Amino acid sequence: MSLADPQEVRAYLIAAAAAGHALTYAELLERLGYVFSRPKMRALCKVLASVDEQAEAAGEPELAVLVVRQSDGLPGQGWWVGSWEKHRHKGDWVGPDAQRLVQRLQEQAFTYWQARGER
């Protein structure tokens, strides 16, 4: 059984994209009715992968990149490992290069969903 319905997670992420901001793992888990824990975060990552597969199939920008750590505003290890092949990011998962990649991908999601008026 999944931690959450991918459609529910997708709806939260589309709303965040339309509003032009990211969500922390804790914020998204809270919206889903959970308290943050590492096991819950790992289970959420599986749902996020499903959400991104659906977005890719529909020709939409990815959404999982909008879920970030509170400490540095970057996605966690699961996102980096899962998206390496797609983005070919060869640098560290922290620092300026990682920030630039994440910001570019987040901006794509913001622009796409804001243009559709999904608020």
PDB file of N, CA and C in Angstrom:
ATOM      1  N   MET A   1       0.833  -1.186   0.000  1.00  0.00           N
ATOM      2  CA  MET A   1       0.000   0.000   0.000  1.00  0.00           C
ATOM      3  C   MET A   1       0.881   1.255   0.000  1.00  0.00           C
ATOM      4  N   SER A   2       0.489   2.231  -0.757  1.00  0.00           N
ATOM      5  CA  SER A   2       1.246   3.468  -0.901  1.00  0.00           C
ATOM      6  C   SER A   2       0.974   4.410   0.273  1.00  0.00           C
ATOM      7  N   LEU A   3       1.930   5.243   0.567  1.00  0.00           N
ATOM      8  CA  LEU A   3       1.783   6.253   1.621  1.00  0.00           C
ATOM      9  C   LEU A   3       0.632   7.195   1.313  1.00  0.00           C
ATOM     10  N   ALA A   4       0.489   7.549   0.049  1.00  0.00           N
ATOM     11  CA  ALA A   4      -0.539   8.512  -0.355  1.00  0.00           C
ATOM     12  C   ALA A   4      -0.935   8.263  -1.799  1.00  0.00           C
ATOM     13  N   ASP A   5      -2.102   8.740  -2.145  1.00  0.00           N
ATOM     14  CA  ASP A   5      -2.586   8.657  -3.511  1.00  0.00           C
ATOM     15  C   ASP A   5      -1.750   9.601  -4.384  1.00  0.00           C
ATOM     16  N   PRO A   6      -1.134   9.096  -5.431  1.00  0.00           N
ATOM     17  CA  PRO A   6      -0.330   9.970  -6.296  1.00  0.00           C
ATOM     18  C   PRO A   6      -1.115  11.176  -6.827  1.00  0.00           C
ATOM     19  N   GLN A   7      -2.408  11.007  -7.067  1.00  0.00           N
ATOM     20  CA  GLN A   7      -3.221  12.126  -7.564  1.00  0.00           C
ATOM     21  C   GLN A   7      -3.343  13.231  -6.513  1.00  0.00           C
ATOM     22  N   GLU A   8      -3.444  12.846  -5.247  1.00  0.00           N
ATOM     23  CA  GLU A   8      -3.506  13.839  -4.171  1.00  0.00           C
ATOM     24  C   GLU A   8      -2.183  14.585  -4.067  1.00  0.00           C
ATOM     25  N   VAL A   9      -1.083  13.850  -4.125  1.00  0.00           N
ATOM     26  CA  VAL A   9       0.246  14.471  -4.072  1.00  0.00           C
ATOM     27  C   VAL A   9       0.428  15.392  -5.268  1.00  0.00           C
ATOM     28  N   ARG A  10       0.042  14.929  -6.426  1.00  0.00           N
ATOM     29  CA  ARG A  10       0.129  15.741  -7.650  1.00  0.00           C
ATOM     30  C   ARG A  10      -0.649  17.046  -7.489  1.00  0.00           C
ATOM     31  N   ALA A  11      -1.840  16.969  -6.932  1.00  0.00           N
ATOM     32  CA  ALA A  11      -2.656  18.174  -6.741  1.00  0.00           C
ATOM     33  C   ALA A  11      -1.953  19.182  -5.828  1.00  0.00           C
ATOM     34  N   TYR A  12      -1.342  18.710  -4.756  1.00  0.00           N
ATOM     35  CA  TYR A  12      -0.595  19.621  -3.871  1.00  0.00           C
ATOM     36  C   TYR A  12       0.582  20.256  -4.604  1.00  0.00           C
ATOM     37  N   LEU A  13       1.272  19.469  -5.419  1.00  0.00           N
ATOM     38  CA  LEU A  13       2.440  19.991  -6.130  1.00  0.00           C
ATOM     39  C   LEU A  13       2.039  20.957  -7.240  1.00  0.00           C
ATOM     40  N   ILE A  14       0.954  20.687  -7.912  1.00  0.00           N
ATOM     41  CA  ILE A  14       0.477  21.624  -8.939  1.00  0.00           C
ATOM     42  C   ILE A  14       0.081  22.944  -8.281  1.00  0.00           C
ATOM     43  N   ALA A  15      -0.584  22.887  -7.136  1.00  0.00           N
ATOM     44  CA  ALA A  15      -0.957  24.109  -6.422  1.00  0.00           C
ATOM     45  C   ALA A  15       0.287  24.888  -5.998  1.00  0.00           C
ATOM     46  N   ALA A  16       1.306  24.186  -5.525  1.00  0.00           N
ATOM     47  CA  ALA A  16       2.555  24.854  -5.132  1.00  0.00           C
ATOM     48  C   ALA A  16       3.225  25.485  -6.351  1.00  0.00           C
ATOM     49  N   ALA A  17       3.262  24.759  -7.469  1.00  0.00           N
ATOM     50  CA  ALA A  17       3.870  25.292  -8.692  1.00  0.00           C
ATOM     51  C   ALA A  17       3.124  26.526  -9.165  1.00  0.00           C
ATOM     52  N   ALA A  18       1.796  26.474  -9.144  1.00  0.00           N
ATOM     53  CA  ALA A  18       0.997  27.620  -9.583  1.00  0.00           C
ATOM     54  C   ALA A  18       1.211  28.819  -8.672  1.00  0.00           C
ATOM     55  N   ALA A  19       1.489  28.561  -7.400  1.00  0.00           N
ATOM     56  CA  ALA A  19       1.754  29.639  -6.446  1.00  0.00           C
ATOM     57  C   ALA A  19       3.213  30.095  -6.496  1.00  0.00           C
ATOM     58  N   GLY A  20       4.054  29.354  -7.215  1.00  0.00           N
ATOM     59  CA  GLY A  20       5.448  29.749  -7.393  1.00  0.00           C
ATOM     60  C   GLY A  20       6.355  29.442  -6.217  1.00  0.00           C
ATOM     61  N   HIS A  21       6.076  28.349  -5.510  1.00  0.00           N
ATOM     62  CA  HIS A  21       6.965  28.004  -4.399  1.00  0.00           C
ATOM     63  C   HIS A  21       7.103  26.496  -4.241  1.00  0.00           C
ATOM     64  N   ALA A  22       8.166  26.105  -3.596  1.00  0.00           N
ATOM     65  CA  ALA A  22       8.427  24.700  -3.298  1.00  0.00           C
ATOM     66  C   ALA A  22       7.788  24.353  -1.955  1.00  0.00           C
ATOM     67  N   LEU A  23       7.745  23.072  -1.655  1.00  0.00           N
ATOM     68  CA  LEU A  23       7.275  22.572  -0.366  1.00  0.00           C
ATOM     69  C   LEU A  23       8.392  21.753   0.259  1.00  0.00           C
ATOM     70  N   THR A  24       8.537  21.831   1.565  1.00  0.00           N
ATOM     71  CA  THR A  24       9.493  20.936   2.216  1.00  0.00           C
ATOM     72  C   THR A  24       8.848  19.562   2.353  1.00  0.00           C
ATOM     73  N   TYR A  25       9.684  18.565   2.573  1.00  0.00           N
ATOM     74  CA  TYR A  25       9.160  17.218   2.803  1.00  0.00           C
ATOM     75  C   TYR A  25       8.180  17.243   3.970  1.00  0.00           C
ATOM     76  N   ALA A  26       8.526  17.952   5.040  1.00  0.00           N
ATOM     77  CA  ALA A  26       7.658  18.020   6.220  1.00  0.00           C
ATOM     78  C   ALA A  26       6.323  18.679   5.892  1.00  0.00           C
ATOM     79  N   GLU A  27       6.344  19.743   5.093  1.00  0.00           N
ATOM     80  CA  GLU A  27       5.095  20.424   4.730  1.00  0.00           C
ATOM     81  C   GLU A  27       4.184  19.501   3.924  1.00  0.00           C
ATOM     82  N   LEU A  28       4.744  18.794   2.960  1.00  0.00           N
ATOM     83  CA  LEU A  28       3.933  17.909   2.139  1.00  0.00           C
ATOM     84  C   LEU A  28       3.395  16.737   2.968  1.00  0.00           C
ATOM     85  N   LEU A  29       4.240  16.164   3.802  1.00  0.00           N
ATOM     86  CA  LEU A  29       3.775  15.081   4.666  1.00  0.00           C
ATOM     87  C   LEU A  29       2.663  15.559   5.591  1.00  0.00           C
ATOM     88  N   GLU A  30       2.800  16.754   6.118  1.00  0.00           N
ATOM     89  CA  GLU A  30       1.761  17.309   7.000  1.00  0.00           C
ATOM     90  C   GLU A  30       0.435  17.445   6.249  1.00  0.00           C
ATOM     91  N   ARG A  31       0.492  17.928   5.027  1.00  0.00           N
ATOM     92  CA  ARG A  31      -0.727  18.072   4.224  1.00  0.00           C
ATOM     93  C   ARG A  31      -1.383  16.721   3.958  1.00  0.00           C
ATOM     94  N   LEU A  32      -0.561  15.684   3.939  1.00  0.00           N
ATOM     95  CA  LEU A  32      -1.071  14.333   3.721  1.00  0.00           C
ATOM     96  C   LEU A  32      -1.518  13.663   5.019  1.00  0.00           C
ATOM     97  N   GLY A  33      -1.353  14.379   6.140  1.00  0.00           N
ATOM     98  CA  GLY A  33      -1.797  13.861   7.430  1.00  0.00           C
ATOM     99  C   GLY A  33      -0.754  13.108   8.227  1.00  0.00           C
ATOM    100  N   TYR A  34       0.521  13.312   7.906  1.00  0.00           N
ATOM    101  CA  TYR A  34       1.602  12.615   8.589  1.00  0.00           C
ATOM    102  C   TYR A  34       2.541  13.593   9.271  1.00  0.00           C
ATOM    103  N   VAL A  35       3.213  13.093  10.290  1.00  0.00           N
ATOM    104  CA  VAL A  35       4.314  13.820  10.916  1.00  0.00           C
ATOM    105  C   VAL A  35       5.589  13.359  10.219  1.00  0.00           C
ATOM    106  N   PHE A  36       6.515  14.274   9.998  1.00  0.00           N
ATOM    107  CA  PHE A  36       7.754  13.932   9.306  1.00  0.00           C
ATOM    108  C   PHE A  36       8.520  12.854  10.054  1.00  0.00           C
ATOM    109  N   SER A  37       8.978  11.880   9.301  1.00  0.00           N
ATOM    110  CA  SER A  37       9.948  10.888   9.775  1.00  0.00           C
ATOM    111  C   SER A  37      10.711  10.434   8.541  1.00  0.00           C
ATOM    112  N   ARG A  38      11.891   9.907   8.740  1.00  0.00           N
ATOM    113  CA  ARG A  38      12.668   9.450   7.585  1.00  0.00           C
ATOM    114  C   ARG A  38      11.964   8.316   6.837  1.00  0.00           C
ATOM    115  N   PRO A  39      11.382   7.334   7.535  1.00  0.00           N
ATOM    116  CA  PRO A  39      10.654   6.299   6.784  1.00  0.00           C
ATOM    117  C   PRO A  39       9.486   6.872   5.974  1.00  0.00           C
ATOM    118  N   LYS A  40       8.768   7.843   6.517  1.00  0.00           N
ATOM    119  CA  LYS A  40       7.660   8.457   5.771  1.00  0.00           C
ATOM    120  C   LYS A  40       8.203   9.224   4.566  1.00  0.00           C
ATOM    121  N   MET A  41       9.332   9.907   4.758  1.00  0.00           N
ATOM    122  CA  MET A  41       9.940  10.658   3.660  1.00  0.00           C
ATOM    123  C   MET A  41      10.352   9.702   2.533  1.00  0.00           C
ATOM    124  N   ARG A  42      10.937   8.565   2.889  1.00  0.00           N
ATOM    125  CA  ARG A  42      11.335   7.580   1.864  1.00  0.00           C
ATOM    126  C   ARG A  42      10.110   7.034   1.134  1.00  0.00           C
ATOM    127  N   ALA A  43       9.042   6.775   1.857  1.00  0.00           N
ATOM    128  CA  ALA A  43       7.812   6.296   1.221  1.00  0.00           C
ATOM    129  C   ALA A  43       7.233   7.378   0.305  1.00  0.00           C
ATOM    130  N   LEU A  44       7.322   8.638   0.730  1.00  0.00           N
ATOM    131  CA  LEU A  44       6.846   9.745  -0.094  1.00  0.00           C
ATOM    132  C   LEU A  44       7.642   9.822  -1.393  1.00  0.00           C
ATOM    133  N   CYS A  45       8.922   9.553  -1.332  1.00  0.00           N
ATOM    134  CA  CYS A  45       9.762   9.611  -2.534  1.00  0.00           C
ATOM    135  C   CYS A  45       9.280   8.631  -3.603  1.00  0.00           C
ATOM    136  N   LYS A  46       8.783   7.479  -3.193  1.00  0.00           N
ATOM    137  CA  LYS A  46       8.239   6.520  -4.164  1.00  0.00           C
ATOM    138  C   LYS A  46       6.998   7.089  -4.847  1.00  0.00           C
ATOM    139  N   VAL A  47       6.175   7.781  -4.081  1.00  0.00           N
ATOM    140  CA  VAL A  47       4.980   8.406  -4.647  1.00  0.00           C
ATOM    141  C   VAL A  47       5.391   9.520  -5.596  1.00  0.00           C
ATOM    142  N   LEU A  48       6.409  10.292  -5.217  1.00  0.00           N
ATOM    143  CA  LEU A  48       6.887  11.393  -6.062  1.00  0.00           C
ATOM    144  C   LEU A  48       7.402  10.869  -7.399  1.00  0.00           C
ATOM    145  N   ALA A  49       8.061   9.728  -7.381  1.00  0.00           N
ATOM    146  CA  ALA A  49       8.541   9.135  -8.639  1.00  0.00           C
ATOM    147  C   ALA A  49       7.360   8.807  -9.543  1.00  0.00           C
ATOM    148  N   SER A  50       6.295   8.297  -8.973  1.00  0.00           N
ATOM    149  CA  SER A  50       5.093   7.986  -9.739  1.00  0.00           C
ATOM    150  C   SER A  50       4.462   9.248 -10.320  1.00  0.00           C
ATOM    151  N   VAL A  51       4.442  10.310  -9.521  1.00  0.00           N
ATOM    152  CA  VAL A  51       3.892  11.596  -9.980  1.00  0.00           C
ATOM    153  C   VAL A  51       4.694  12.106 -11.171  1.00  0.00           C
ATOM    154  N   ASP A  52       6.014  12.000 -11.093  1.00  0.00           N
ATOM    155  CA  ASP A  52       6.847  12.481 -12.201  1.00  0.00           C
ATOM    156  C   ASP A  52       6.709  11.610 -13.446  1.00  0.00           C
ATOM    157  N   GLU A  53       6.512  10.325 -13.269  1.00  0.00           N
ATOM    158  CA  GLU A  53       6.285   9.457 -14.435  1.00  0.00           C
ATOM    159  C   GLU A  53       5.006   9.885 -15.151  1.00  0.00           C
ATOM    160  N   GLN A  54       3.988  10.191 -14.394  1.00  0.00           N
ATOM    161  CA  GLN A  54       2.723  10.647 -14.965  1.00  0.00           C
ATOM    162  C   GLN A  54       2.905  11.989 -15.683  1.00  0.00           C
ATOM    163  N   ALA A  55       3.637  12.902 -15.061  1.00  0.00           N
ATOM    164  CA  ALA A  55       3.871  14.214 -15.676  1.00  0.00           C
ATOM    165  C   ALA A  55       4.641  14.058 -16.989  1.00  0.00           C
ATOM    166  N   GLU A  56       5.659  13.222 -16.977  1.00  0.00           N
ATOM    167  CA  GLU A  56       6.455  13.020 -18.192  1.00  0.00           C
ATOM    168  C   GLU A  56       5.591  12.434 -19.307  1.00  0.00           C
ATOM    169  N   ALA A  57       4.744  11.475 -18.973  1.00  0.00           N
ATOM    170  CA  ALA A  57       3.870  10.863 -19.973  1.00  0.00           C
ATOM    171  C   ALA A  57       2.897  11.879 -20.571  1.00  0.00           C
ATOM    172  N   ALA A  58       2.539  12.896 -19.782  1.00  0.00           N
ATOM    173  CA  ALA A  58       1.602  13.926 -20.249  1.00  0.00           C
ATOM    174  C   ALA A  58       2.321  15.114 -20.892  1.00  0.00           C
ATOM    175  N   GLY A  59       3.658  15.062 -20.958  1.00  0.00           N
ATOM    176  CA  GLY A  59       4.419  16.162 -21.547  1.00  0.00           C
ATOM    177  C   GLY A  59       4.508  17.377 -20.631  1.00  0.00           C
ATOM    178  N   GLU A  60       4.373  17.153 -19.346  1.00  0.00           N
ATOM    179  CA  GLU A  60       4.426  18.240 -18.361  1.00  0.00           C
ATOM    180  C   GLU A  60       5.787  18.273 -17.689  1.00  0.00           C
ATOM    181  N   PRO A  61       6.167  19.417 -17.119  1.00  0.00           N
ATOM    182  CA  PRO A  61       7.423  19.468 -16.374  1.00  0.00           C
ATOM    183  C   PRO A  61       7.319  18.631 -15.097  1.00  0.00           C
ATOM    184  N   GLU A  62       8.463  18.166 -14.640  1.00  0.00           N
ATOM    185  CA  GLU A  62       8.467  17.345 -13.434  1.00  0.00           C
ATOM    186  C   GLU A  62       8.033  18.165 -12.221  1.00  0.00           C
ATOM    187  N   LEU A  63       7.490  17.484 -11.237  1.00  0.00           N
ATOM    188  CA  LEU A  63       6.979  18.129 -10.038  1.00  0.00           C
ATOM    189  C   LEU A  63       7.742  17.754  -8.771  1.00  0.00           C
ATOM    190  N   ALA A  64       8.367  16.590  -8.741  1.00  0.00           N
ATOM    191  CA  ALA A  64       9.062  16.138  -7.536  1.00  0.00           C
ATOM    192  C   ALA A  64      10.176  17.101  -7.130  1.00  0.00           C
ATOM    193  N   VAL A  65      10.720  17.830  -8.077  1.00  0.00           N
ATOM    194  CA  VAL A  65      11.784  18.791  -7.790  1.00  0.00           C
ATOM    195  C   VAL A  65      11.294  19.920  -6.880  1.00  0.00           C
ATOM    196  N   LEU A  66       9.983  20.031  -6.728  1.00  0.00           N
ATOM    197  CA  LEU A  66       9.412  21.057  -5.858  1.00  0.00           C
ATOM    198  C   LEU A  66       9.413  20.644  -4.395  1.00  0.00           C
ATOM    199  N   VAL A  67       9.769  19.408  -4.102  1.00  0.00           N
ATOM    200  CA  VAL A  67       9.806  18.935  -2.717  1.00  0.00           C
ATOM    201  C   VAL A  67      11.259  18.946  -2.267  1.00  0.00           C
ATOM    202  N   VAL A  68      11.523  19.757  -1.248  1.00  0.00           N
ATOM    203  CA  VAL A  68      12.909  20.055  -0.869  1.00  0.00           C
ATOM    204  C   VAL A  68      13.142  19.902   0.637  1.00  0.00           C
ATOM    205  N   ARG A  69      14.405  19.824   0.975  1.00  0.00           N
ATOM    206  CA  ARG A  69      14.805  19.808   2.382  1.00  0.00           C
ATOM    207  C   ARG A  69      14.669  21.213   2.947  1.00  0.00           C
ATOM    208  N   GLN A  70      14.252  21.291   4.171  1.00  0.00           N
ATOM    209  CA  GLN A  70      14.137  22.595   4.823  1.00  0.00           C
ATOM    210  C   GLN A  70      15.518  23.235   4.995  1.00  0.00           C
ATOM    211  N   SER A  71      16.531  22.422   5.210  1.00  0.00           N
ATOM    212  CA  SER A  71      17.863  22.931   5.525  1.00  0.00           C
ATOM    213  C   SER A  71      18.505  23.727   4.394  1.00  0.00           C
ATOM    214  N   ASP A  72      18.331  23.281   3.151  1.00  0.00           N
ATOM    215  CA  ASP A  72      19.028  23.967   2.060  1.00  0.00           C
ATOM    216  C   ASP A  72      18.167  24.228   0.825  1.00  0.00           C
ATOM    217  N   GLY A  73      16.896  23.840   0.869  1.00  0.00           N
ATOM    218  CA  GLY A  73      16.014  24.104  -0.267  1.00  0.00           C
ATOM    219  C   GLY A  73      16.269  23.237  -1.478  1.00  0.00           C
ATOM    220  N   LEU A  74      16.957  22.118  -1.289  1.00  0.00           N
ATOM    221  CA  LEU A  74      17.240  21.191  -2.393  1.00  0.00           C
ATOM    222  C   LEU A  74      16.536  19.862  -2.164  1.00  0.00           C
ATOM    223  N   PRO A  75      16.218  19.159  -3.249  1.00  0.00           N
ATOM    224  CA  PRO A  75      15.644  17.819  -3.096  1.00  0.00           C
ATOM    225  C   PRO A  75      16.654  16.893  -2.416  1.00  0.00           C
ATOM    226  N   GLY A  76      16.127  15.826  -1.854  1.00  0.00           N
ATOM    227  CA  GLY A  76      16.978  14.855  -1.182  1.00  0.00           C
ATOM    228  C   GLY A  76      17.644  13.879  -2.129  1.00  0.00           C
ATOM    229  N   GLN A  77      18.416  12.983  -1.546  1.00  0.00           N
ATOM    230  CA  GLN A  77      19.205  12.015  -2.292  1.00  0.00           C
ATOM    231  C   GLN A  77      18.360  11.203  -3.270  1.00  0.00           C
ATOM    232  N   GLY A  78      17.167  10.803  -2.860  1.00  0.00           N
ATOM    233  CA  GLY A  78      16.314   9.993  -3.727  1.00  0.00           C
ATOM    234  C   GLY A  78      16.020  10.671  -5.050  1.00  0.00           C
ATOM    235  N   TRP A  79      15.773  11.974  -4.998  1.00  0.00           N
ATOM    236  CA  TRP A  79      15.498  12.710  -6.241  1.00  0.00           C
ATOM    237  C   TRP A  79      16.735  12.730  -7.131  1.00  0.00           C
ATOM    238  N   TRP A  80      17.886  12.992  -6.525  1.00  0.00           N
ATOM    239  CA  TRP A  80      19.116  13.072  -7.317  1.00  0.00           C
ATOM    240  C   TRP A  80      19.436  11.735  -7.973  1.00  0.00           C
ATOM    241  N   VAL A  81      19.318  10.655  -7.218  1.00  0.00           N
ATOM    242  CA  VAL A  81      19.607   9.329  -7.765  1.00  0.00           C
ATOM    243  C   VAL A  81      18.591   8.987  -8.862  1.00  0.00           C
ATOM    244  N   GLY A  82      17.321   9.268  -8.599  1.00  0.00           N
ATOM    245  CA  GLY A  82      16.275   8.940  -9.554  1.00  0.00           C
ATOM    246  C   GLY A  82      16.282   9.778 -10.817  1.00  0.00           C
ATOM    247  N   SER A  83      16.839  10.985 -10.736  1.00  0.00           N
ATOM    248  CA  SER A  83      16.797  11.877 -11.894  1.00  0.00           C
ATOM    249  C   SER A  83      18.146  12.016 -12.597  1.00  0.00           C
ATOM    250  N   TRP A  84      19.164  11.296 -12.121  1.00  0.00           N
ATOM    251  CA  TRP A  84      20.485  11.452 -12.710  1.00  0.00           C
ATOM    252  C   TRP A  84      20.470  11.189 -14.207  1.00  0.00           C
ATOM    253  N   GLU A  85      19.880  10.093 -14.608  1.00  0.00           N
ATOM    254  CA  GLU A  85      19.909   9.731 -16.023  1.00  0.00           C
ATOM    255  C   GLU A  85      19.222  10.796 -16.884  1.00  0.00           C
ATOM    256  N   LYS A  86      18.164  11.347 -16.375  1.00  0.00           N
ATOM    257  CA  LYS A  86      17.405  12.354 -17.119  1.00  0.00           C
ATOM    258  C   LYS A  86      18.180  13.672 -17.256  1.00  0.00           C
ATOM    259  N   HIS A  87      18.835  14.101 -16.183  1.00  0.00           N
ATOM    260  CA  HIS A  87      19.481  15.418 -16.170  1.00  0.00           C
ATOM    261  C   HIS A  87      20.993  15.372 -16.343  1.00  0.00           C
ATOM    262  N   ARG A  88      21.577  14.204 -16.171  1.00  0.00           N
ATOM    263  CA  ARG A  88      23.029  14.026 -16.330  1.00  0.00           C
ATOM    264  C   ARG A  88      23.846  14.995 -15.464  1.00  0.00           C
ATOM    265  N   HIS A  89      23.327  15.279 -14.284  1.00  0.00           N
ATOM    266  CA  HIS A  89      24.047  16.154 -13.348  1.00  0.00           C
ATOM    267  C   HIS A  89      25.210  15.369 -12.758  1.00  0.00           C
ATOM    268  N   LYS A  90      26.421  15.820 -13.011  1.00  0.00           N
ATOM    269  CA  LYS A  90      27.605  15.082 -12.579  1.00  0.00           C
ATOM    270  C   LYS A  90      28.245  15.675 -11.332  1.00  0.00           C
ATOM    271  N   GLY A  91      27.736  16.808 -10.891  1.00  0.00           N
ATOM    272  CA  GLY A  91      28.333  17.462  -9.727  1.00  0.00           C
ATOM    273  C   GLY A  91      27.734  16.984  -8.419  1.00  0.00           C
ATOM    274  N   ASP A  92      28.066  17.714  -7.378  1.00  0.00           N
ATOM    275  CA  ASP A  92      27.541  17.417  -6.056  1.00  0.00           C
ATOM    276  C   ASP A  92      26.042  17.681  -6.010  1.00  0.00           C
ATOM    277  N   TRP A  93      25.394  17.091  -5.024  1.00  0.00           N
ATOM    278  CA  TRP A  93      23.958  17.266  -4.833  1.00  0.00           C
ATOM    279  C   TRP A  93      23.663  18.468  -3.947  1.00  0.00           C
ATOM    280  N   VAL A  94      24.682  19.234  -3.650  1.00  0.00           N
ATOM    281  CA  VAL A  94      24.574  20.483  -2.892  1.00  0.00           C
ATOM    282  C   VAL A  94      25.456  21.503  -3.587  1.00  0.00           C
ATOM    283  N   GLY A  95      25.290  22.764  -3.236  1.00  0.00           N
ATOM    284  CA  GLY A  95      26.154  23.791  -3.799  1.00  0.00           C
ATOM    285  C   GLY A  95      25.540  24.500  -4.987  1.00  0.00           C
ATOM    286  N   PRO A  96      26.313  25.423  -5.577  1.00  0.00           N
ATOM    287  CA  PRO A  96      25.797  26.294  -6.630  1.00  0.00           C
ATOM    288  C   PRO A  96      25.298  25.575  -7.882  1.00  0.00           C
ATOM    289  N   ASP A  97      25.999  24.540  -8.341  1.00  0.00           N
ATOM    290  CA  ASP A  97      25.560  23.834  -9.550  1.00  0.00           C
ATOM    291  C   ASP A  97      24.231  23.117  -9.305  1.00  0.00           C
ATOM    292  N   ALA A  98      24.117  22.491  -8.153  1.00  0.00           N
ATOM    293  CA  ALA A  98      22.864  21.811  -7.797  1.00  0.00           C
ATOM    294  C   ALA A  98      21.740  22.834  -7.665  1.00  0.00           C
ATOM    295  N   GLN A  99      22.025  23.963  -7.043  1.00  0.00           N
ATOM    296  CA  GLN A  99      21.016  25.017  -6.885  1.00  0.00           C
ATOM    297  C   GLN A  99      20.531  25.499  -8.250  1.00  0.00           C
ATOM    298  N   ARG A 100      21.447  25.702  -9.180  1.00  0.00           N
ATOM    299  CA  ARG A 100      21.068  26.190 -10.515  1.00  0.00           C
ATOM    300  C   ARG A 100      20.162  25.194 -11.237  1.00  0.00           C
ATOM    301  N   LEU A 101      20.504  23.919 -11.185  1.00  0.00           N
ATOM    302  CA  LEU A 101      19.683  22.906 -11.838  1.00  0.00           C
ATOM    303  C   LEU A 101      18.284  22.877 -11.223  1.00  0.00           C
ATOM    304  N   VAL A 102      18.216  22.838  -9.914  1.00  0.00           N
ATOM    305  CA  VAL A 102      16.926  22.770  -9.230  1.00  0.00           C
ATOM    306  C   VAL A 102      16.110  24.023  -9.521  1.00  0.00           C
ATOM    307  N   GLN A 103      16.748  25.176  -9.470  1.00  0.00           N
ATOM    308  CA  GLN A 103      16.026  26.425  -9.742  1.00  0.00           C
ATOM    309  C   GLN A 103      15.470  26.431 -11.173  1.00  0.00           C
ATOM    310  N   ARG A 104      16.254  25.963 -12.129  1.00  0.00           N
ATOM    311  CA  ARG A 104      15.799  25.928 -13.523  1.00  0.00           C
ATOM    312  C   ARG A 104      14.585  25.006 -13.673  1.00  0.00           C
ATOM    313  N   LEU A 105      14.658  23.839 -13.062  1.00  0.00           N
ATOM    314  CA  LEU A 105      13.550  22.885 -13.158  1.00  0.00           C
ATOM    315  C   LEU A 105      12.311  23.386 -12.413  1.00  0.00           C
ATOM    316  N   GLN A 106      12.521  24.015 -11.265  1.00  0.00           N
ATOM    317  CA  GLN A 106      11.387  24.573 -10.533  1.00  0.00           C
ATOM    318  C   GLN A 106      10.735  25.699 -11.334  1.00  0.00           C
ATOM    319  N   GLU A 107      11.532  26.535 -11.949  1.00  0.00           N
ATOM    320  CA  GLU A 107      10.985  27.630 -12.760  1.00  0.00           C
ATOM    321  C   GLU A 107      10.153  27.098 -13.926  1.00  0.00           C
ATOM    322  N   GLN A 108      10.587  25.987 -14.512  1.00  0.00           N
ATOM    323  CA  GLN A 108       9.803  25.378 -15.585  1.00  0.00           C
ATOM    324  C   GLN A 108       8.422  24.973 -15.077  1.00  0.00           C
ATOM    325  N   ALA A 109       8.382  24.356 -13.900  1.00  0.00           N
ATOM    326  CA  ALA A 109       7.099  23.950 -13.311  1.00  0.00           C
ATOM    327  C   ALA A 109       6.253  25.173 -12.970  1.00  0.00           C
ATOM    328  N   PHE A 110       6.880  26.197 -12.370  1.00  0.00           N
ATOM    329  CA  PHE A 110       6.137  27.412 -12.007  1.00  0.00           C
ATOM    330  C   PHE A 110       5.510  28.041 -13.250  1.00  0.00           C
ATOM    331  N   THR A 111       6.318  28.227 -14.276  1.00  0.00           N
ATOM    332  CA  THR A 111       5.852  28.868 -15.509  1.00  0.00           C
ATOM    333  C   THR A 111       4.718  28.066 -16.153  1.00  0.00           C
ATOM    334  N   TYR A 112       4.895  26.772 -16.236  1.00  0.00           N
ATOM    335  CA  TYR A 112       3.911  25.908 -16.874  1.00  0.00           C
ATOM    336  C   TYR A 112       2.558  25.983 -16.145  1.00  0.00           C
ATOM    337  N   TRP A 113       2.577  25.799 -14.824  1.00  0.00           N
ATOM    338  CA  TRP A 113       1.313  25.742 -14.085  1.00  0.00           C
ATOM    339  C   TRP A 113       0.713  27.115 -13.854  1.00  0.00           C
ATOM    340  N   GLN A 114       1.535  28.156 -13.761  1.00  0.00           N
ATOM    341  CA  GLN A 114       0.982  29.507 -13.636  1.00  0.00           C
ATOM    342  C   GLN A 114       0.270  29.911 -14.915  1.00  0.00           C
ATOM    343  N   ALA A 115       0.781  29.493 -16.057  1.00  0.00           N
ATOM    344  CA  ALA A 115       0.153  29.812 -17.348  1.00  0.00           C
ATOM    345  C   ALA A 115      -1.200  29.130 -17.495  1.00  0.00           C
ATOM    346  N   ARG A 116      -1.403  28.055 -16.748  1.00  0.00           N
ATOM    347  CA  ARG A 116      -2.671  27.335 -16.828  1.00  0.00           C
ATOM    348  C   ARG A 116      -3.673  27.783 -15.773  1.00  0.00           C
ATOM    349  N   GLY A 117      -3.266  28.722 -14.923  1.00  0.00           N
ATOM    350  CA  GLY A 117      -4.173  29.257 -13.924  1.00  0.00           C
ATOM    351  C   GLY A 117      -4.614  28.240 -12.881  1.00  0.00           C
ATOM    352  N   GLU A 118      -3.767  27.245 -12.622  1.00  0.00           N
ATOM    353  CA  GLU A 118      -4.086  26.194 -11.636  1.00  0.00           C
ATOM    354  C   GLU A 118      -3.748  26.692 -10.243  1.00  0.00           C
ATOM    355  N   ARG A 119      -4.684  27.319  -9.604  1.00  0.00           N
ATOM    356  CA  ARG A 119      -4.434  27.837  -8.240  1.00  0.00           C
ATOM    357  C   ARG A 119      -5.362  27.221  -7.251  1.00  0.00           C
TER     358      ARG A 119
END
